[in-house]
């Protein structure tokens, strides 16, 4: 039996999209602003890597933007509670 490989980018993009959907489906679960910001930053760095196709870079950039927004919203909610120490940066 010969092992056939499938293209990696569609598999990775689909997996990331499913993870994103799963992580954002419970609206009652609070978002950790630090974790959301780190995820957004890592996705941003990945999106700008030259090895990706344009389609994959677009998926990564969209996910980065969504998580950056979640980080900002979580930080705002934390500021309202007086317990947030996260300084969010605009990285792109």
N, C-alpha and C. Protein backbone atom coordinates (compact mmCIF):
# COMPACT_ATOMS: atom_id res chain seq x y z
N UNK A 1 0.84 -1.18 0.00
CA UNK A 1 0.00 0.00 0.00
C UNK A 1 0.88 1.24 0.00
N UNK A 2 0.65 2.10 -0.93
CA UNK A 2 1.44 3.32 -1.06
C UNK A 2 0.78 4.46 -0.28
N UNK A 3 1.59 5.16 0.50
CA UNK A 3 1.10 6.29 1.27
C UNK A 3 0.95 7.51 0.37
N UNK A 4 -0.23 8.08 0.36
CA UNK A 4 -0.45 9.29 -0.43
C UNK A 4 -0.62 10.46 0.51
N UNK A 5 0.09 11.50 0.20
CA UNK A 5 -0.03 12.69 1.04
C UNK A 5 -1.01 13.65 0.40
N UNK A 6 -1.70 14.35 1.26
CA UNK A 6 -2.60 15.39 0.78
C UNK A 6 -1.95 16.74 1.07
N UNK A 7 -2.39 17.77 0.37
CA UNK A 7 -1.82 19.09 0.63
C UNK A 7 -2.03 19.50 2.09
N UNK A 8 -1.00 20.02 2.70
CA UNK A 8 -1.03 20.36 4.12
C UNK A 8 -1.84 21.63 4.42
N UNK A 9 -1.76 22.63 3.57
CA UNK A 9 -2.42 23.90 3.85
C UNK A 9 -3.93 23.77 4.04
N UNK A 10 -4.67 23.10 3.16
CA UNK A 10 -6.12 22.98 3.41
C UNK A 10 -6.44 22.26 4.71
N UNK A 11 -5.67 21.25 5.04
CA UNK A 11 -5.89 20.52 6.28
C UNK A 11 -5.64 21.42 7.49
N UNK A 12 -4.56 22.17 7.46
CA UNK A 12 -4.25 23.08 8.56
C UNK A 12 -5.28 24.21 8.65
N UNK A 13 -5.66 24.78 7.53
CA UNK A 13 -6.65 25.86 7.53
C UNK A 13 -7.98 25.37 8.10
N UNK A 14 -8.41 24.19 7.68
CA UNK A 14 -9.66 23.64 8.18
C UNK A 14 -9.60 23.35 9.67
N UNK A 15 -8.47 22.83 10.12
CA UNK A 15 -8.30 22.53 11.54
C UNK A 15 -8.33 23.81 12.37
N UNK A 16 -7.63 24.84 11.91
CA UNK A 16 -7.63 26.11 12.62
C UNK A 16 -9.03 26.72 12.67
N UNK A 17 -9.75 26.63 11.57
CA UNK A 17 -11.11 27.17 11.53
C UNK A 17 -12.02 26.42 12.51
N UNK A 18 -11.89 25.10 12.58
CA UNK A 18 -12.69 24.33 13.53
C UNK A 18 -12.32 24.66 14.98
N UNK A 19 -11.03 24.80 15.26
CA UNK A 19 -10.61 25.19 16.60
C UNK A 19 -11.15 26.56 16.97
N UNK A 20 -11.10 27.48 16.02
CA UNK A 20 -11.63 28.83 16.24
C UNK A 20 -13.13 28.76 16.55
N UNK A 21 -13.86 28.00 15.75
CA UNK A 21 -15.30 27.86 15.97
C UNK A 21 -15.58 27.27 17.35
N UNK A 22 -14.86 26.25 17.71
CA UNK A 22 -15.05 25.61 19.01
C UNK A 22 -14.73 26.58 20.16
N UNK A 23 -13.64 27.32 20.03
CA UNK A 23 -13.21 28.23 21.09
C UNK A 23 -14.13 29.43 21.24
N UNK A 24 -14.84 29.79 20.20
CA UNK A 24 -15.69 30.98 20.27
C UNK A 24 -17.18 30.64 20.39
N UNK A 25 -17.53 29.37 20.48
CA UNK A 25 -18.95 29.00 20.49
C UNK A 25 -19.61 29.20 21.84
N UNK A 26 -18.86 29.19 22.92
CA UNK A 26 -19.44 29.36 24.26
C UNK A 26 -19.31 30.82 24.68
N UNK A 27 -20.37 31.57 24.49
CA UNK A 27 -20.33 33.01 24.77
C UNK A 27 -20.33 33.31 26.26
N UNK A 28 -20.69 32.34 27.09
CA UNK A 28 -20.71 32.56 28.53
C UNK A 28 -19.34 32.33 29.17
N UNK A 29 -18.42 31.75 28.41
CA UNK A 29 -17.08 31.49 28.94
C UNK A 29 -16.21 32.72 28.72
N UNK A 30 -15.64 33.29 29.78
CA UNK A 30 -14.83 34.49 29.60
C UNK A 30 -13.55 34.20 28.82
N UNK A 31 -13.14 35.18 28.04
CA UNK A 31 -11.93 35.08 27.25
C UNK A 31 -10.77 35.65 28.06
N UNK A 32 -9.68 34.92 28.11
CA UNK A 32 -8.47 35.44 28.75
C UNK A 32 -7.81 36.40 27.76
N UNK A 33 -7.72 37.69 28.10
CA UNK A 33 -7.15 38.64 27.13
C UNK A 33 -5.71 38.33 26.75
N UNK A 34 -4.93 37.84 27.69
CA UNK A 34 -3.53 37.52 27.38
C UNK A 34 -3.44 36.37 26.37
N UNK A 35 -4.23 35.34 26.60
CA UNK A 35 -4.21 34.19 25.69
C UNK A 35 -4.73 34.60 24.31
N UNK A 36 -5.81 35.38 24.27
CA UNK A 36 -6.37 35.82 22.99
C UNK A 36 -5.37 36.69 22.24
N UNK A 37 -4.69 37.58 22.95
CA UNK A 37 -3.71 38.44 22.30
C UNK A 37 -2.54 37.62 21.76
N UNK A 38 -2.06 36.66 22.55
CA UNK A 38 -0.93 35.83 22.10
C UNK A 38 -1.33 35.01 20.88
N UNK A 39 -2.54 34.46 20.89
CA UNK A 39 -3.03 33.71 19.75
C UNK A 39 -3.11 34.61 18.51
N UNK A 40 -3.67 35.81 18.68
CA UNK A 40 -3.77 36.76 17.56
C UNK A 40 -2.39 37.10 17.03
N UNK A 41 -1.45 37.33 17.93
CA UNK A 41 -0.09 37.69 17.52
C UNK A 41 0.58 36.54 16.76
N UNK A 42 0.45 35.32 17.29
CA UNK A 42 1.03 34.17 16.60
C UNK A 42 0.41 33.96 15.22
N UNK A 43 -0.90 34.09 15.13
CA UNK A 43 -1.57 33.95 13.84
C UNK A 43 -1.12 35.04 12.87
N UNK A 44 -0.92 36.24 13.37
CA UNK A 44 -0.42 37.35 12.54
C UNK A 44 0.97 37.02 12.01
N UNK A 45 1.84 36.52 12.88
CA UNK A 45 3.19 36.16 12.45
C UNK A 45 3.15 35.05 11.40
N UNK A 46 2.29 34.06 11.63
CA UNK A 46 2.14 32.98 10.65
C UNK A 46 1.62 33.51 9.32
N UNK A 47 0.65 34.41 9.37
CA UNK A 47 0.05 34.95 8.14
C UNK A 47 1.08 35.67 7.28
N UNK A 48 2.08 36.23 7.91
CA UNK A 48 3.09 37.00 7.17
C UNK A 48 4.31 36.18 6.79
N UNK A 49 4.24 34.88 7.04
CA UNK A 49 5.37 34.02 6.66
C UNK A 49 5.34 33.80 5.15
N UNK A 50 6.48 33.89 4.49
CA UNK A 50 6.51 33.79 3.02
C UNK A 50 6.22 32.40 2.46
N UNK A 51 6.20 31.38 3.30
CA UNK A 51 6.00 30.02 2.80
C UNK A 51 4.54 29.73 2.43
N UNK A 52 3.60 30.52 2.96
CA UNK A 52 2.18 30.22 2.73
C UNK A 52 1.70 30.70 1.37
N UNK A 53 0.69 30.04 0.88
CA UNK A 53 -0.01 30.52 -0.31
C UNK A 53 -0.83 31.75 0.09
N UNK A 54 -1.31 32.49 -0.89
CA UNK A 54 -2.15 33.66 -0.60
C UNK A 54 -3.42 33.25 0.15
N UNK A 55 -4.00 32.12 -0.24
CA UNK A 55 -5.23 31.66 0.41
C UNK A 55 -4.98 31.35 1.89
N UNK A 56 -3.89 30.67 2.18
CA UNK A 56 -3.59 30.33 3.57
C UNK A 56 -3.26 31.57 4.38
N UNK A 57 -2.51 32.48 3.79
CA UNK A 57 -2.19 33.74 4.48
C UNK A 57 -3.47 34.51 4.79
N UNK A 58 -4.45 34.46 3.90
CA UNK A 58 -5.73 35.14 4.13
C UNK A 58 -6.48 34.51 5.29
N UNK A 59 -6.52 33.17 5.34
CA UNK A 59 -7.19 32.48 6.45
C UNK A 59 -6.54 32.87 7.77
N UNK A 60 -5.21 32.82 7.81
CA UNK A 60 -4.49 33.16 9.03
C UNK A 60 -4.70 34.62 9.43
N UNK A 61 -4.69 35.52 8.48
CA UNK A 61 -4.90 36.94 8.78
C UNK A 61 -6.31 37.19 9.31
N UNK A 62 -7.31 36.52 8.74
CA UNK A 62 -8.68 36.69 9.23
C UNK A 62 -8.84 36.16 10.65
N UNK A 63 -8.24 35.00 10.92
CA UNK A 63 -8.30 34.46 12.27
C UNK A 63 -7.55 35.37 13.25
N UNK A 64 -6.43 35.92 12.83
CA UNK A 64 -5.69 36.84 13.68
C UNK A 64 -6.54 38.06 14.02
N UNK A 65 -7.21 38.62 13.02
CA UNK A 65 -8.07 39.77 13.27
C UNK A 65 -9.21 39.46 14.22
N UNK A 66 -9.81 38.29 14.07
CA UNK A 66 -10.90 37.89 14.95
C UNK A 66 -10.42 37.75 16.39
N UNK A 67 -9.25 37.16 16.57
CA UNK A 67 -8.72 36.98 17.92
C UNK A 67 -8.18 38.28 18.50
N UNK A 68 -7.68 39.16 17.65
CA UNK A 68 -7.26 40.48 18.14
C UNK A 68 -8.46 41.24 18.68
N UNK A 69 -9.59 41.16 17.96
CA UNK A 69 -10.82 41.82 18.42
C UNK A 69 -11.29 41.21 19.74
N UNK A 70 -11.25 39.89 19.85
CA UNK A 70 -11.64 39.23 21.11
C UNK A 70 -10.72 39.67 22.25
N UNK A 71 -9.43 39.81 21.97
CA UNK A 71 -8.49 40.26 23.00
C UNK A 71 -8.83 41.67 23.46
N UNK A 72 -9.12 42.55 22.51
CA UNK A 72 -9.49 43.93 22.85
C UNK A 72 -10.76 43.96 23.69
N UNK A 73 -11.77 43.20 23.27
CA UNK A 73 -13.04 43.18 24.01
C UNK A 73 -12.84 42.61 25.42
N UNK A 74 -12.03 41.58 25.55
CA UNK A 74 -11.76 41.00 26.86
C UNK A 74 -11.00 41.98 27.74
N UNK A 75 -10.07 42.73 27.14
CA UNK A 75 -9.31 43.71 27.90
C UNK A 75 -10.22 44.85 28.37
N UNK A 76 -11.13 45.27 27.52
CA UNK A 76 -12.08 46.32 27.90
C UNK A 76 -12.96 45.84 29.05
N UNK A 77 -13.44 44.60 28.95
CA UNK A 77 -14.26 44.03 30.02
C UNK A 77 -13.45 43.93 31.32
N UNK A 78 -12.18 43.56 31.20
CA UNK A 78 -11.32 43.48 32.38
C UNK A 78 -11.07 44.84 32.99
N UNK A 79 -10.91 45.88 32.15
CA UNK A 79 -10.73 47.24 32.66
C UNK A 79 -11.95 47.69 33.44
N UNK A 80 -13.13 47.31 32.96
CA UNK A 80 -14.37 47.68 33.65
C UNK A 80 -14.42 47.04 35.03
N UNK A 81 -13.82 45.86 35.16
CA UNK A 81 -13.78 45.16 36.44
C UNK A 81 -12.60 45.60 37.30
N UNK A 82 -11.68 46.35 36.70
CA UNK A 82 -10.52 46.83 37.42
C UNK A 82 -9.45 45.78 37.66
N UNK A 83 -9.49 44.70 36.88
CA UNK A 83 -8.51 43.64 37.12
C UNK A 83 -7.69 43.29 35.89
N UNK A 84 -7.58 44.20 34.96
CA UNK A 84 -6.86 43.88 33.72
C UNK A 84 -5.53 44.61 33.67
N UNK A 85 -4.47 43.85 33.42
CA UNK A 85 -3.14 44.45 33.31
C UNK A 85 -2.58 44.29 31.91
N UNK A 86 -3.39 43.91 30.95
CA UNK A 86 -2.91 43.64 29.60
C UNK A 86 -2.84 44.93 28.81
N UNK A 87 -1.70 45.17 28.21
CA UNK A 87 -1.54 46.27 27.27
C UNK A 87 -1.54 45.66 25.88
N UNK A 88 -2.55 45.99 25.10
CA UNK A 88 -2.67 45.42 23.77
C UNK A 88 -1.97 46.31 22.76
N UNK A 89 -1.29 45.68 21.85
CA UNK A 89 -0.56 46.39 20.82
C UNK A 89 -1.21 46.12 19.48
N UNK A 90 -1.13 47.09 18.61
CA UNK A 90 -1.61 46.89 17.24
C UNK A 90 -0.43 46.38 16.43
N UNK A 91 -0.48 45.11 16.05
CA UNK A 91 0.63 44.52 15.34
C UNK A 91 0.35 44.31 13.88
N UNK A 92 -0.71 44.91 13.38
CA UNK A 92 -0.92 44.79 11.95
C UNK A 92 -2.30 44.82 11.52
